[in-house]
Protein backbone atom coordinates (compact mmCIF):
# COMPACT_ATOMS: atom_id res chain seq x y z
CA MET A 1 0.00 0.00 0.00
CA ARG A 2 1.44 3.32 -1.04
CA ASP A 3 1.90 6.00 1.56
CA LYS A 4 -0.42 9.00 1.30
CA LYS A 5 1.17 11.98 -0.38
CA ILE A 6 1.75 14.79 2.11
CA ARG A 7 0.53 18.01 0.54
CA LYS A 8 2.19 21.36 1.15
CA ILE A 9 -0.38 24.09 1.62
CA GLY A 10 0.48 27.79 1.68
CA VAL A 11 -1.76 30.36 3.36
CA LEU A 12 -1.44 34.05 2.59
CA ALA A 13 -3.18 36.14 5.26
CA GLY A 14 -2.76 39.56 6.83
CA ASN A 15 -3.19 40.94 10.32
CA LEU A 16 -2.57 37.77 12.30
CA GLU A 17 -3.20 39.67 15.53
CA THR A 18 -6.94 40.04 14.77
CA PRO A 19 -9.46 37.50 16.11
CA TYR A 20 -10.88 36.64 12.67
CA VAL A 21 -7.50 35.78 11.16
CA ARG A 22 -6.46 33.81 14.25
CA GLU A 23 -9.63 31.71 13.96
CA LEU A 24 -9.17 31.34 10.20
CA VAL A 25 -5.58 30.13 10.58
CA ARG A 26 -6.53 27.87 13.50
CA GLY A 27 -9.25 26.22 11.42
CA ILE A 28 -6.94 25.66 8.46
CA THR A 29 -4.21 24.36 10.76
CA ASP A 30 -6.56 21.85 12.42
CA ALA A 31 -7.89 20.66 9.06
CA ALA A 32 -4.38 20.18 7.66
CA ALA A 33 -3.20 18.36 10.78
CA SER A 34 -6.18 15.99 10.66
CA VAL A 35 -5.04 14.62 7.29
CA GLY A 36 -1.30 14.99 7.80
CA ASP A 37 -0.71 17.88 5.40
CA ARG A 38 2.00 20.50 5.98
CA LEU A 39 1.06 24.15 6.34
CA PHE A 40 3.10 27.25 5.55
CA ILE A 41 1.77 30.65 6.69
CA PHE A 42 2.77 33.83 4.85
CA PRO A 43 1.70 36.64 7.21
CA GLY A 44 1.05 40.21 6.12
CA MET A 45 3.18 42.55 8.18
CA TYR A 46 1.57 45.94 7.62
CA ASP A 47 -0.93 45.74 10.48
CA ARG A 48 -1.64 49.50 10.67
CA ALA A 49 -3.02 49.35 7.14
CA TYR A 50 -5.98 47.44 8.61
CA ALA A 51 -7.20 50.80 9.91
CA GLY A 52 -6.62 52.41 6.53
CA ASP A 53 -3.78 54.75 7.47
CA ILE A 54 -0.92 53.40 5.36
CA THR A 55 -0.27 53.61 1.63
CA LEU A 56 2.48 51.30 0.51
CA ALA A 57 4.93 52.39 -2.15
CA MET A 58 4.91 50.26 -5.27
CA ASP A 59 8.40 48.90 -4.60
CA GLU A 60 7.23 47.62 -1.20
CA GLU A 61 4.25 45.94 -2.79
CA ASN A 62 6.44 44.33 -5.42
CA ASP A 63 8.87 43.14 -2.77
CA LEU A 64 6.03 41.44 -0.91
CA TYR A 65 4.70 39.87 -4.09
CA SER A 66 8.14 38.63 -5.16
CA GLN A 67 8.86 37.08 -1.77
CA ILE A 68 5.56 35.19 -1.69
CA PHE A 69 6.10 33.88 -5.22
CA SER A 70 9.69 32.86 -4.50
CA TYR A 71 8.79 30.98 -1.32
CA ALA A 72 5.96 29.17 -3.11
CA LEU A 73 8.42 27.91 -5.70
CA ILE A 74 11.16 26.99 -3.22
CA LEU A 75 8.75 25.06 -1.03
CA LYS A 76 7.07 23.40 -4.03
CA LEU A 77 3.64 24.11 -2.66
CA ASP A 78 0.68 22.07 -3.89
CA VAL A 79 -1.88 24.84 -3.35
CA VAL A 80 -2.06 28.37 -1.95
CA LEU A 81 -5.02 29.71 0.03
CA ILE A 82 -5.29 33.50 -0.23
CA SER A 83 -7.32 35.37 2.39
CA VAL A 84 -8.35 38.22 0.10
CA ASP A 85 -10.12 40.39 2.67
CA THR A 86 -7.19 40.39 5.06
CA ILE A 87 -4.46 41.26 2.55
CA ARG A 88 -6.13 43.73 0.22
CA CYS A 89 -6.12 46.22 3.06
CA PHE A 90 -2.38 46.64 2.52
CA VAL A 91 -1.71 45.27 -0.98
CA ASN A 92 -2.93 46.81 -4.23
CA PRO A 93 -5.64 44.53 -5.69
CA HIS A 94 -3.70 43.99 -8.91
CA ILE A 95 -0.87 42.43 -6.88
CA ILE A 96 -3.29 39.75 -5.68
CA GLU A 97 -4.22 39.03 -9.29
CA LEU A 98 -0.54 38.83 -10.24
CA ILE A 99 0.18 36.35 -7.47
CA LYS A 100 -2.64 34.11 -8.64
CA VAL A 101 -1.64 34.32 -12.31
CA ARG A 102 2.06 33.64 -11.67
CA LEU A 103 1.36 30.70 -9.39
CA ARG A 104 -1.06 29.24 -11.91
CA GLU A 105 1.60 29.54 -14.64
CA VAL A 106 3.84 27.17 -12.69
CA GLY A 107 1.03 24.78 -11.85
CA ILE A 108 0.21 25.91 -8.29
CA PRO A 109 -3.56 26.41 -7.92
CA CYS A 110 -5.03 29.11 -5.66
CA LEU A 111 -8.19 29.07 -3.59
CA MET A 112 -9.43 32.61 -2.94
CA LEU A 113 -11.03 32.99 0.47
CA GLU A 114 -13.83 35.48 1.26
CA SER A 115 -14.15 36.79 -2.29
CA ALA A 116 -14.92 35.77 -5.87
CA ASP A 117 -13.45 39.00 -7.28
CA TYR A 118 -10.48 37.09 -8.69
CA GLY A 119 -12.44 34.24 -10.17
CA GLU A 120 -13.04 30.67 -9.12
CA PRO A 121 -12.38 28.58 -7.16
CA SER A 122 -13.36 30.69 -4.19
CA TYR A 123 -14.82 30.22 -0.73
CA ARG A 124 -17.00 33.14 0.20
CA ILE A 125 -18.29 34.48 3.51
CA GLU A 126 -21.92 35.52 3.90
CA ASN A 127 -21.70 39.23 4.67
CA VAL A 128 -25.30 40.20 3.97
CA ARG A 129 -27.94 37.83 5.32
CA GLY A 130 -27.02 37.82 9.01
CA ILE A 131 -26.96 41.62 9.32
CA GLU A 132 -30.13 41.96 7.27
CA GLU A 133 -32.10 39.38 9.27
CA GLY A 134 -30.92 40.81 12.59
CA LEU A 135 -31.95 44.34 11.69
CA ARG A 136 -35.34 43.28 10.33
CA HIS A 137 -35.92 41.33 13.56
CA LEU A 138 -35.15 44.43 15.64
CA VAL A 139 -37.58 46.54 13.62
CA ARG A 140 -40.44 44.06 13.10
CA VAL A 141 -40.43 42.12 16.37
CA HIS A 142 -39.01 44.62 18.87
CA HIS A 143 -40.24 47.76 17.06
CA CYS A 144 -36.85 49.45 17.42
CA GLN A 145 -36.26 52.66 15.53
CA ARG A 146 -33.09 54.05 17.10
CA ILE A 147 -30.58 51.42 16.00
CA ALA A 148 -26.83 52.00 16.07
CA PHE A 149 -24.18 49.95 14.30
CA VAL A 150 -20.64 48.86 15.14
CA GLY A 151 -18.85 47.91 11.96
CA GLY A 152 -15.54 46.25 11.23
CA PRO A 153 -12.22 47.84 10.31
CA LYS A 154 -12.14 50.57 7.69
CA GLY A 155 -10.69 49.25 4.47
CA ASN A 156 -11.90 45.70 5.11
CA HIS A 157 -14.06 44.53 2.20
CA GLY A 158 -16.51 42.44 4.23
CA ALA A 159 -16.89 45.16 6.84
CA GLY A 160 -17.83 47.63 4.12
CA ILE A 161 -20.54 45.31 2.83
CA ARG A 162 -22.01 44.82 6.31
CA GLN A 163 -22.17 48.54 7.01
CA ALA A 164 -23.79 49.12 3.61
CA VAL A 165 -26.48 46.57 4.53
CA TYR A 166 -27.13 48.42 7.80
CA GLU A 167 -27.52 51.73 5.98
CA GLN A 168 -29.75 50.13 3.35
CA ILE A 169 -32.13 48.55 5.87
CA MET A 170 -32.33 51.73 7.92
CA ALA A 171 -33.24 53.68 4.77
CA GLU A 172 -35.75 51.04 3.73
CA TYR A 173 -37.68 51.49 6.98
CA GLY A 174 -37.27 55.27 6.94
CA LEU A 175 -35.10 55.22 10.06
CA VAL A 176 -32.57 57.95 10.77
CA VAL A 177 -28.87 57.22 11.27
CA TYR A 178 -28.18 59.91 13.87
CA PRO A 179 -24.69 61.31 14.56
CA GLY A 180 -22.89 58.88 16.82
CA TYR A 181 -24.82 55.86 15.55
CA LEU A 182 -21.94 54.53 13.45
CA GLU A 183 -18.82 53.20 15.15
CA THR A 184 -16.07 50.86 14.01
CA GLY A 185 -14.01 48.19 15.74
CA ASP A 186 -11.40 45.62 14.75
CA TYR A 187 -13.68 42.58 15.21
CA SER A 188 -12.31 42.01 18.73
CA PHE A 189 -14.17 41.76 22.05
CA SER A 190 -12.51 44.86 23.49
CA SER A 191 -13.20 47.01 20.44
CA GLY A 192 -16.89 46.10 20.59
CA ARG A 193 -17.04 47.12 24.23
CA VAL A 194 -15.30 50.44 23.57
CA ALA A 195 -17.47 51.22 20.55
CA ALA A 196 -20.67 50.44 22.45
CA ARG A 197 -19.58 52.74 25.29
CA ARG A 198 -19.03 55.56 22.83
CA ILE A 199 -22.48 55.05 21.33
CA LEU A 200 -24.18 54.96 24.73
CA ASN A 201 -22.35 58.07 25.87
CA CYS A 202 -23.23 59.95 22.69
CA GLN A 203 -26.74 58.60 22.17
CA PRO A 204 -28.25 57.49 25.50
CA MET A 205 -31.69 57.07 23.87
CA VAL A 206 -30.47 54.38 21.46
CA GLU A 207 -32.75 51.32 21.53
CA ALA A 208 -30.50 48.68 19.98
CA ILE A 209 -26.97 48.19 18.68
CA CYS A 210 -26.16 45.91 15.77
CA PHE A 211 -22.61 44.52 15.61
CA ALA A 212 -20.74 43.33 12.53
CA ASN A 213 -19.48 40.18 14.26
CA ASP A 214 -20.01 38.01 17.34
CA LEU A 215 -16.92 38.99 19.35
CA MET A 216 -17.73 42.70 19.15
CA ALA A 217 -21.31 41.91 20.16
CA LEU A 218 -20.09 40.07 23.24
CA GLY A 219 -17.96 43.08 24.15
CA GLY A 220 -20.97 45.29 23.54
CA TYR A 221 -23.02 43.25 26.01
CA GLU A 222 -20.49 44.10 28.70
CA ALA A 223 -20.72 47.82 27.94
CA ILE A 224 -24.52 47.69 28.00
CA LYS A 225 -24.53 45.85 31.33
CA ASP A 226 -22.12 48.39 32.79
CA ALA A 227 -24.44 51.19 31.66
C-alpha cells in the first residue's frame, strides 16, 4: 500500500493579531493536521493598514509579491489559500491578481477565500444575510427605531458590505442614522465594548446596537450591562 502523499499548503493572510485571522488560521491548521498535510503561513506585516492609514509604495508591494512567489516555488507548494479580505487592506488589488496568475503559470492552484473577485475557485463568507435578518428582527419584532451599528475595520471589504447593509435597511424602513450611531471596531471583544460605550455616551436614547461580528457583540453586552 502506497503511503499518502503529504501536501504542502500555503496560506497568505494579513493581520494575524486580529481574532478573525487567528480563527481562520486555526481552522486551516486543524484541518491540515487531521489529514497529515503541511502548512506554511505567509503573514502580512503591515498591520496598521488594517485601519486604513498606510499607503504602501509600489516597490514595497512588489517586494512582498516577489517574496511570496519565491517561497511558493522553493517550497514546491501544492496549493495556496489566499485570504483576500485580510491582505487587500495593505496590498494593491492587482498584486493579488498577479500572485494568482504567476502561481497558476507554474502549476500551483489558488483558492481565494472570502471573495470571488479574482475568479473561481473561491470560498465566500456571507456578509449580507445575518446583518439583514438581525436588523429586520429588531424593527419588526421589537419595534426598534433608534438602531446604532458597530462595523468592522475601515478598508476591510466584508466590513464595508455589512455597514452598507445596515444603511440600506435603515433607509428602507425610513429610520434615521443619527450622529454617533456609526462606530467601528477591529472585530475584537474589546473594540466592541469600547465602541458600544461611545455610542451609549453619545446617544443614551439608542434602543438597539447591531454589531458586525459576534466577538464585538459580546464586548458590547459588557458595555450595555455596565451602563
